[in-house]
Amino acid sequence: MSSHAKIITTASGLQDLLGDLVGETAIGLDTEFMRERTYRAELCLLQLTTRNGPICIDPLALPDLSPLAAALGAAGPPVVLHAGRQDLEVLAPTLGPMTPLFDTQIAAALCGHPAQVGYAELVRRLLGHELPKGQTRTDWSRRPLSIEQIEYALDDVRHLLPLREQLLGALEQLGRLDWLAEELAALERLDVLAVDVDKAWLRFRGVEGWDEGRLRLLQSLAAWRERRAVARNRPRGWILDDTLVREIVLRIPRSRDSLAQIEGMPEAVVKHSGDELLGLIEAARVPDPAPPLPKRERPDPASIARTKRLSEVTQATAQELDIAPEVLATRRVLEEIARGNDPATALGGWRAGVLADRLRAAV
């Protein structure tokens, strides 16, 4: 079969494919998308694979992919992806919830492979195939696609089903299928993929100890930027850079002049959005003069020592389980526990079962 026969560009071709998908026990899936210039990722290619081999679907030639929802939607066969959160985010508006899911990166991490193991590396480790690296910087929105591009895209799904088989076997032997079920249930939650503009401020780090007024302002600025980015379908950094959002919140400019004086502030932002931004600053009711910023506290030696102890216990447990330590607990979670949070609550689920008592003993 020539590579051109491996890409579907017509509605009738899509209907034929739907017929072929009936009765499949698992379907591998990957996407190629562009996100550099837009807020919403632009889907440029969808690849599927079954027992009959891989195929590409061209969403630029076929703007309506909704017929696929029946085959890939809830209660269909398992959909197999690798590091699939972004693929799910891109497809959710068209295809809705896809369940059940199987993510080969998540399953591999529970088998003891690196936490963020790449697809090509996993294929090499488990199946002994070397995948060509050629098209990683491709512009997938350009047409026509070359035979090399199509082959590269097909490779991205070609090995997903054999990987799933191997990983399921390994997890069954290790007695960790329930761990996997828990991780995949979290991945299947579509609400996690939805944008909540009022929570956009949570992306900002290092705001602990800021006064209430500044936190109110950060929340409203981040929400304003997110709404505008969504409405214009532009990356949020194009609306207002993270650094500038932070500078506005730290300095509290109360006039167009003081807003314009912030280093790196584009003239166009002051000209077109200055009044709106000043309105948000006023609405946040930050006292004038603004409260002093919290002094950067010296790290508490006792807390550092506690975190180090917790980290050592986590590493020892990870070694026993032959699993990467960060799969068990991230540094952030360990710092929370060191500050007094309950280990079972901070870890949750299967992680609490294997680690909480040991961390409690260490604290």
Protein backbone atom coordinates (compact mmCIF):
# COMPACT_ATOMS: atom_id res chain seq x y z
CA MET A 1 0.00 0.00 0.00
CA SER A 2 1.46 3.42 -0.88
CA SER A 3 1.73 6.06 1.86
CA HIS A 4 -0.92 8.14 0.09
CA ALA A 5 -3.40 5.33 0.67
CA LYS A 6 -2.59 5.61 4.38
CA ILE A 7 -4.11 9.08 4.77
CA ILE A 8 -7.86 9.70 4.75
CA THR A 9 -8.92 12.98 3.20
CA THR A 10 -12.59 12.35 2.29
CA ALA A 11 -15.86 11.86 4.22
CA SER A 12 -16.44 8.52 2.45
CA GLY A 13 -12.95 7.37 3.45
CA LEU A 14 -13.76 8.28 7.05
CA GLN A 15 -17.03 6.29 6.89
CA ASP A 16 -15.13 3.24 5.58
CA LEU A 17 -12.68 3.56 8.45
CA LEU A 18 -15.54 3.67 10.98
CA GLY A 19 -16.73 0.34 9.57
CA ASP A 20 -13.23 -1.10 10.03
CA LEU A 21 -13.08 0.06 13.66
CA VAL A 22 -16.14 -1.97 14.69
CA GLY A 23 -15.13 -4.90 16.88
CA GLU A 24 -11.59 -3.65 17.58
CA THR A 25 -10.32 -4.51 21.07
CA ALA A 26 -8.01 -1.46 21.32
CA ILE A 27 -7.29 1.61 19.17
CA GLY A 28 -3.97 3.50 19.31
CA LEU A 29 -4.14 7.27 18.84
CA ASP A 30 -1.79 10.22 18.41
CA THR A 31 -2.12 13.76 17.07
CA GLU A 32 0.08 16.36 15.42
CA PHE A 33 -0.91 19.92 16.23
CA MET A 34 0.36 23.50 16.11
CA ARG A 35 0.13 25.81 19.09
CA GLU A 36 2.79 28.49 18.60
CA ARG A 37 0.46 31.24 17.37
CA THR A 38 -2.90 30.30 18.90
CA TYR A 39 -4.47 29.75 22.32
CA ARG A 40 -6.32 26.62 21.21
CA ALA A 41 -4.12 23.99 19.62
CA GLU A 42 -4.83 23.59 15.90
CA LEU A 43 -5.26 19.90 15.07
CA CYS A 44 -3.25 19.15 11.92
CA LEU A 45 -3.20 15.34 11.80
CA LEU A 46 -4.84 12.46 13.64
CA GLN A 47 -3.26 9.01 13.58
CA LEU A 48 -5.04 5.80 14.57
CA THR A 49 -3.85 2.22 14.68
CA THR A 50 -5.61 -1.13 15.04
CA ARG A 51 -4.64 -4.76 14.49
CA ASN A 52 -4.79 -3.90 10.75
CA GLY A 53 -2.03 -1.31 11.06
CA PRO A 54 -1.85 2.50 11.26
CA ILE A 55 -3.68 5.18 9.27
CA CYS A 56 -3.68 9.01 9.22
CA ILE A 57 -6.77 11.23 9.05
CA ASP A 58 -6.36 14.75 7.67
CA PRO A 59 -8.49 17.15 9.76
CA LEU A 60 -7.57 20.05 7.45
CA ALA A 61 -9.28 18.23 4.56
CA LEU A 62 -12.03 16.89 6.86
CA PRO A 63 -13.09 19.66 9.25
CA ASP A 64 -15.86 17.45 10.73
CA LEU A 65 -14.37 14.59 12.73
CA SER A 66 -17.43 14.17 14.96
CA PRO A 67 -18.39 10.80 13.33
CA LEU A 68 -15.30 9.38 15.11
CA ALA A 69 -16.87 10.10 18.51
CA ALA A 70 -18.97 6.93 18.18
CA ALA A 71 -15.87 4.72 17.75
CA LEU A 72 -13.59 6.51 20.22
CA GLY A 73 -16.13 7.88 22.70
CA ALA A 74 -17.20 6.58 26.09
CA ALA A 75 -17.53 2.80 26.49
CA GLY A 76 -15.75 2.04 23.18
CA PRO A 77 -12.58 -0.07 23.07
CA PRO A 78 -9.59 1.24 25.10
CA VAL A 79 -7.90 4.21 23.42
CA VAL A 80 -4.11 3.86 23.74
CA LEU A 81 -1.89 6.97 23.80
CA HIS A 82 1.60 7.94 24.92
CA ALA A 83 1.79 11.00 27.23
CA GLY A 84 -1.71 11.70 26.00
CA ARG A 85 -2.92 14.68 28.06
CA GLN A 86 -2.31 17.20 25.27
CA ASP A 87 -3.87 14.91 22.64
CA LEU A 88 -6.98 14.62 24.82
CA GLU A 89 -7.10 18.39 25.31
CA VAL A 90 -6.89 18.95 21.54
CA LEU A 91 -9.57 16.36 20.74
CA ALA A 92 -11.99 17.01 23.63
CA PRO A 93 -13.96 19.80 21.86
CA THR A 94 -14.69 17.47 18.89
CA LEU A 95 -14.79 13.99 20.36
CA GLY A 96 -15.80 14.62 23.97
CA PRO A 97 -14.77 12.14 26.67
CA MET A 98 -12.77 9.11 25.53
CA THR A 99 -12.94 6.18 27.92
CA PRO A 100 -11.43 3.82 28.76
CA LEU A 101 -7.93 5.20 28.22
CA PHE A 102 -4.51 3.58 28.39
CA ASP A 103 -1.41 5.79 28.55
CA THR A 104 1.82 3.92 27.80
CA GLN A 105 3.98 6.58 29.53
CA ILE A 106 1.99 6.30 32.78
CA ALA A 107 2.01 2.48 32.63
CA ALA A 108 5.77 2.44 31.88
CA ALA A 109 6.51 4.68 34.91
CA LEU A 110 4.64 2.21 37.16
CA CYS A 111 6.83 -0.59 35.74
CA GLY A 112 10.04 1.21 36.73
CA HIS A 113 10.91 3.11 33.52
CA PRO A 114 11.78 6.85 33.83
CA ALA A 115 8.77 8.94 34.87
CA GLN A 116 8.66 10.90 31.59
CA VAL A 117 10.00 8.20 29.28
CA GLY A 118 9.59 9.18 25.60
CA TYR A 119 7.72 7.04 23.06
CA ALA A 120 10.78 6.31 20.87
CA GLU A 121 12.83 5.35 23.95
CA LEU A 122 10.07 3.03 25.21
CA VAL A 123 9.76 1.39 21.79
CA ARG A 124 13.54 0.86 21.85
CA ARG A 125 13.52 -0.56 25.39
CA LEU A 126 10.53 -2.89 25.07
CA LEU A 127 10.32 -3.77 21.37
CA GLY A 128 13.92 -3.29 20.23
CA HIS A 129 12.99 -0.93 17.34
CA GLU A 130 14.87 2.29 16.58
CA LEU A 131 12.50 5.00 15.31
CA PRO A 132 13.80 7.64 12.84
CA LYS A 133 14.01 11.16 14.34
CA GLY A 134 13.59 13.06 11.08
CA GLN A 135 10.37 15.08 11.37
CA THR A 136 10.36 16.44 14.91
CA ARG A 137 10.37 20.09 13.78
CA THR A 138 7.85 19.69 10.98
CA ASP A 139 5.16 22.30 10.23
CA TRP A 140 2.21 19.88 10.23
CA SER A 141 -0.20 22.53 8.94
CA ARG A 142 1.46 22.69 5.50
CA ARG A 143 0.06 20.64 2.64
CA PRO A 144 0.76 18.44 0.82
CA LEU A 145 2.44 16.20 3.41
CA SER A 146 5.44 14.28 2.09
CA ILE A 147 5.67 10.48 2.16
CA GLU A 148 8.39 10.87 4.85
CA GLN A 149 6.09 12.97 7.02
CA ILE A 150 3.24 10.47 6.69
CA GLU A 151 5.55 7.54 7.53
CA TYR A 152 6.90 9.42 10.55
CA ALA A 153 3.34 10.13 11.75
CA LEU A 154 2.33 6.47 11.24
CA ASP A 155 5.37 5.37 13.30
CA ASP A 156 4.00 7.45 16.18
CA VAL A 157 1.10 5.01 16.60
CA ARG A 158 2.43 1.85 14.95
CA HIS A 159 3.83 0.39 18.18
CA LEU A 160 1.23 1.55 20.72
CA LEU A 161 -0.77 -1.70 20.85
CA PRO A 162 2.23 -4.03 21.35
CA LEU A 163 3.53 -1.62 24.03
CA ARG A 164 0.18 -1.85 25.82
CA GLU A 165 0.27 -5.65 25.76
CA GLN A 166 3.77 -5.78 27.23
CA LEU A 167 3.07 -3.17 29.89
CA LEU A 168 -0.19 -4.81 30.98
CA GLY A 169 1.65 -8.13 31.35
CA ALA A 170 4.42 -6.52 33.41
CA LEU A 171 1.97 -4.65 35.69
CA GLU A 172 -0.07 -7.79 36.24
CA GLN A 173 3.09 -9.65 37.32
CA LEU A 174 4.01 -6.78 39.67
CA GLY A 175 0.47 -6.69 41.11
CA ARG A 176 0.08 -3.01 40.12
CA LEU A 177 -2.95 -3.06 37.83
CA ASP A 178 -4.98 -1.24 40.50
CA TRP A 179 -2.30 1.49 40.62
CA LEU A 180 -2.69 1.87 36.87
CA ALA A 181 -6.51 1.99 37.08
CA GLU A 182 -6.25 4.85 39.59
CA GLU A 183 -3.80 6.85 37.43
CA LEU A 184 -5.92 6.37 34.28
CA ALA A 185 -9.14 7.38 36.07
CA ALA A 186 -7.47 10.74 36.81
CA LEU A 187 -6.53 11.08 33.12
CA GLU A 188 -10.12 10.40 32.02
CA ARG A 189 -11.49 13.40 33.93
CA LEU A 190 -12.40 15.89 31.20
CA ASP A 191 -13.04 18.67 33.71
CA VAL A 192 -9.28 18.76 34.37
CA LEU A 193 -8.74 19.67 30.70
CA ALA A 194 -11.33 22.48 30.71
CA VAL A 195 -10.04 26.02 31.21
CA ASP A 196 -11.28 27.67 34.40
CA VAL A 197 -10.36 31.34 33.94
CA ASP A 198 -10.80 32.02 37.66
CA LYS A 199 -8.05 29.51 38.44
CA ALA A 200 -5.58 30.90 35.87
CA TRP A 201 -3.68 32.68 38.67
CA LEU A 202 -2.70 29.34 40.20
CA ARG A 203 -0.09 28.97 37.44
CA PHE A 204 2.00 31.65 39.20
CA ARG A 205 4.58 30.39 41.68
CA GLY A 206 6.17 32.12 44.65
CA VAL A 207 3.11 34.14 45.73
CA GLU A 208 2.98 32.73 49.27
CA GLY A 209 2.82 35.48 51.85
CA TRP A 210 1.49 38.16 49.44
CA ASP A 211 -1.18 40.43 50.96
CA GLU A 212 -4.87 39.83 50.17
CA GLY A 213 -5.14 42.84 47.87
CA ARG A 214 -2.25 41.71 45.70
CA LEU A 215 -3.63 38.16 45.51
CA ARG A 216 -7.05 39.57 44.47
CA LEU A 217 -5.31 41.61 41.77
CA LEU A 218 -3.30 38.62 40.53
CA GLN A 219 -6.51 36.58 40.30
CA SER A 220 -8.39 39.23 38.31
CA LEU A 221 -5.43 40.08 36.03
CA ALA A 222 -4.81 36.40 35.21
CA ALA A 223 -8.55 35.86 34.52
CA TRP A 224 -8.70 38.99 32.31
CA ARG A 225 -5.69 37.81 30.30
CA GLU A 226 -7.11 34.27 29.95
CA ARG A 227 -10.53 35.53 28.73
CA ARG A 228 -8.88 37.80 26.19
CA ALA A 229 -6.53 35.02 24.99
CA VAL A 230 -9.51 32.67 24.54
CA ALA A 231 -11.61 35.32 22.75
CA ARG A 232 -8.78 36.21 20.34
CA ASN A 233 -7.38 32.67 20.11
CA ARG A 234 -3.87 33.96 20.82
CA PRO A 235 -1.27 32.59 23.28
CA ARG A 236 -1.74 34.18 26.72
CA GLY A 237 1.86 35.49 26.64
CA TRP A 238 0.97 37.51 23.53
CA ILE A 239 -1.74 39.32 25.50
CA LEU A 240 0.49 40.06 28.49
CA ASP A 241 3.70 38.33 29.46
CA ASP A 242 3.89 36.48 32.82
CA THR A 243 6.70 38.80 33.96
CA LEU A 244 4.54 41.86 33.28
CA VAL A 245 1.54 40.42 35.13
CA ARG A 246 3.82 39.83 38.12
CA GLU A 247 5.35 43.35 37.88
CA ILE A 248 1.89 45.00 37.82
CA VAL A 249 0.91 43.05 40.95
CA LEU A 250 4.16 43.89 42.75
CA ARG A 251 4.25 47.59 41.86
CA ILE A 252 0.52 48.47 41.80
CA PRO A 253 0.72 51.27 39.17
CA ARG A 254 -2.20 53.68 39.65
CA SER A 255 -1.83 55.82 36.51
CA ARG A 256 -1.17 55.26 32.81
CA ASP A 257 2.26 56.84 33.28
CA SER A 258 3.35 54.48 36.04
CA LEU A 259 1.92 51.55 34.05
CA ALA A 260 3.97 52.65 31.02
CA GLN A 261 7.12 52.89 33.16
CA ILE A 262 7.13 49.15 33.92
CA GLU A 263 10.16 47.75 32.09
CA GLY A 264 9.19 45.87 28.94
CA MET A 265 5.55 47.08 28.98
CA PRO A 266 4.43 47.37 25.30
CA GLU A 267 3.06 50.81 24.33
CA ALA A 268 0.12 49.09 22.60
CA VAL A 269 -0.97 47.46 25.88
CA VAL A 270 -0.99 50.82 27.68
CA LYS A 271 -2.78 52.49 24.76
CA HIS A 272 -5.50 49.88 24.18
CA SER A 273 -5.89 48.20 27.58
CA GLY A 274 -4.45 50.73 30.05
CA ASP A 275 -7.82 51.90 31.38
CA GLU A 276 -9.06 48.32 31.77
CA LEU A 277 -5.92 47.32 33.68
CA LEU A 278 -6.14 50.38 35.94
CA GLY A 279 -9.81 49.47 36.56
CA LEU A 280 -8.76 45.99 37.70
CA ILE A 281 -6.11 47.51 39.98
CA GLU A 282 -8.69 49.85 41.53
CA ALA A 283 -11.23 47.02 41.95
CA ALA A 284 -8.64 44.90 43.81
CA ARG A 285 -8.70 47.54 46.62
CA VAL A 286 -4.96 47.38 47.36
CA PRO A 287 -4.28 50.07 50.02
CA ASP A 288 -2.27 53.12 48.93
CA PRO A 289 0.60 52.93 49.73
CA ALA A 290 0.62 49.18 49.08
CA PRO A 291 1.74 46.93 51.94
CA PRO A 292 5.43 46.01 51.84
CA LEU A 293 6.19 42.75 50.08
CA PRO A 294 7.02 39.82 52.33
CA LYS A 295 10.74 39.52 52.94
CA ARG A 296 12.10 36.38 51.36
CA GLU A 297 12.25 34.19 54.40
CA ARG A 298 15.44 32.31 54.95
CA PRO A 299 14.60 28.65 54.54
CA ASP A 300 13.94 27.14 57.95
CA PRO A 301 16.82 24.70 58.69
CA ALA A 302 14.47 22.32 60.55
CA SER A 303 12.08 22.21 57.57
CA ILE A 304 14.99 21.61 55.16
CA ALA A 305 16.22 18.75 57.34
CA ARG A 306 12.69 17.26 57.47
CA THR A 307 12.33 17.46 53.67
CA LYS A 308 15.72 15.79 53.26
CA ARG A 309 14.69 12.96 55.60
CA LEU A 310 11.39 12.51 53.73
CA SER A 311 13.26 12.50 50.43
CA GLU A 312 15.62 9.78 51.68
CA VAL A 313 12.69 7.60 52.82
CA THR A 314 10.98 8.14 49.44
CA GLN A 315 14.14 7.18 47.55
CA ALA A 316 14.64 4.04 49.64
CA THR A 317 11.00 3.00 49.08
CA ALA A 318 11.30 3.74 45.36
CA GLN A 319 14.41 1.57 45.19
CA GLU A 320 12.57 -1.33 46.85
CA LEU A 321 9.70 -0.97 44.35
CA ASP A 322 12.12 -0.40 41.44
CA ILE A 323 10.30 2.79 40.47
CA ALA A 324 11.47 6.40 39.92
CA PRO A 325 11.21 8.38 43.22
CA GLU A 326 9.28 11.25 41.57
CA VAL A 327 6.55 8.77 40.56
CA LEU A 328 5.98 8.20 44.30
CA ALA A 329 6.22 11.82 45.49
CA THR A 330 7.32 15.11 43.96
CA ARG A 331 9.54 17.49 45.91
CA ARG A 332 6.56 19.84 46.30
CA VAL A 333 4.51 17.13 48.01
CA LEU A 334 7.42 16.30 50.34
CA GLU A 335 7.77 20.00 51.25
CA GLU A 336 4.04 20.14 52.06
CA ILE A 337 4.44 17.13 54.37
CA ALA A 338 7.52 18.72 55.96
CA ARG A 339 5.38 21.81 56.70
CA GLY A 340 2.90 19.63 58.61
CA ASN A 341 0.41 18.31 56.03
CA ASP A 342 -0.77 14.75 56.62
CA PRO A 343 1.19 12.34 54.37
CA ALA A 344 -1.91 10.28 53.43
CA THR A 345 -3.80 13.42 52.32
CA ALA A 346 -0.80 14.91 50.49
CA LEU A 347 -0.04 11.65 48.64
CA GLY A 348 -3.54 10.21 48.11
CA GLY A 349 -4.54 6.87 46.58
CA TRP A 350 -2.08 4.01 46.13
CA ARG A 351 0.89 6.26 46.96
CA ALA A 352 -0.49 6.81 50.46
CA GLY A 353 -0.75 3.03 50.83
CA VAL A 354 2.92 2.39 50.09
CA LEU A 355 4.51 5.53 51.56
CA ALA A 356 2.36 7.43 54.09
CA ASP A 357 3.23 5.39 57.21
CA ARG A 358 6.96 5.50 56.45
CA LEU A 359 6.85 9.29 55.98
CA ARG A 360 4.86 9.74 59.19
CA ALA A 361 7.52 7.77 61.05
CA ALA A 362 10.26 9.92 59.46
CA VAL A 363 8.58 13.20 60.47
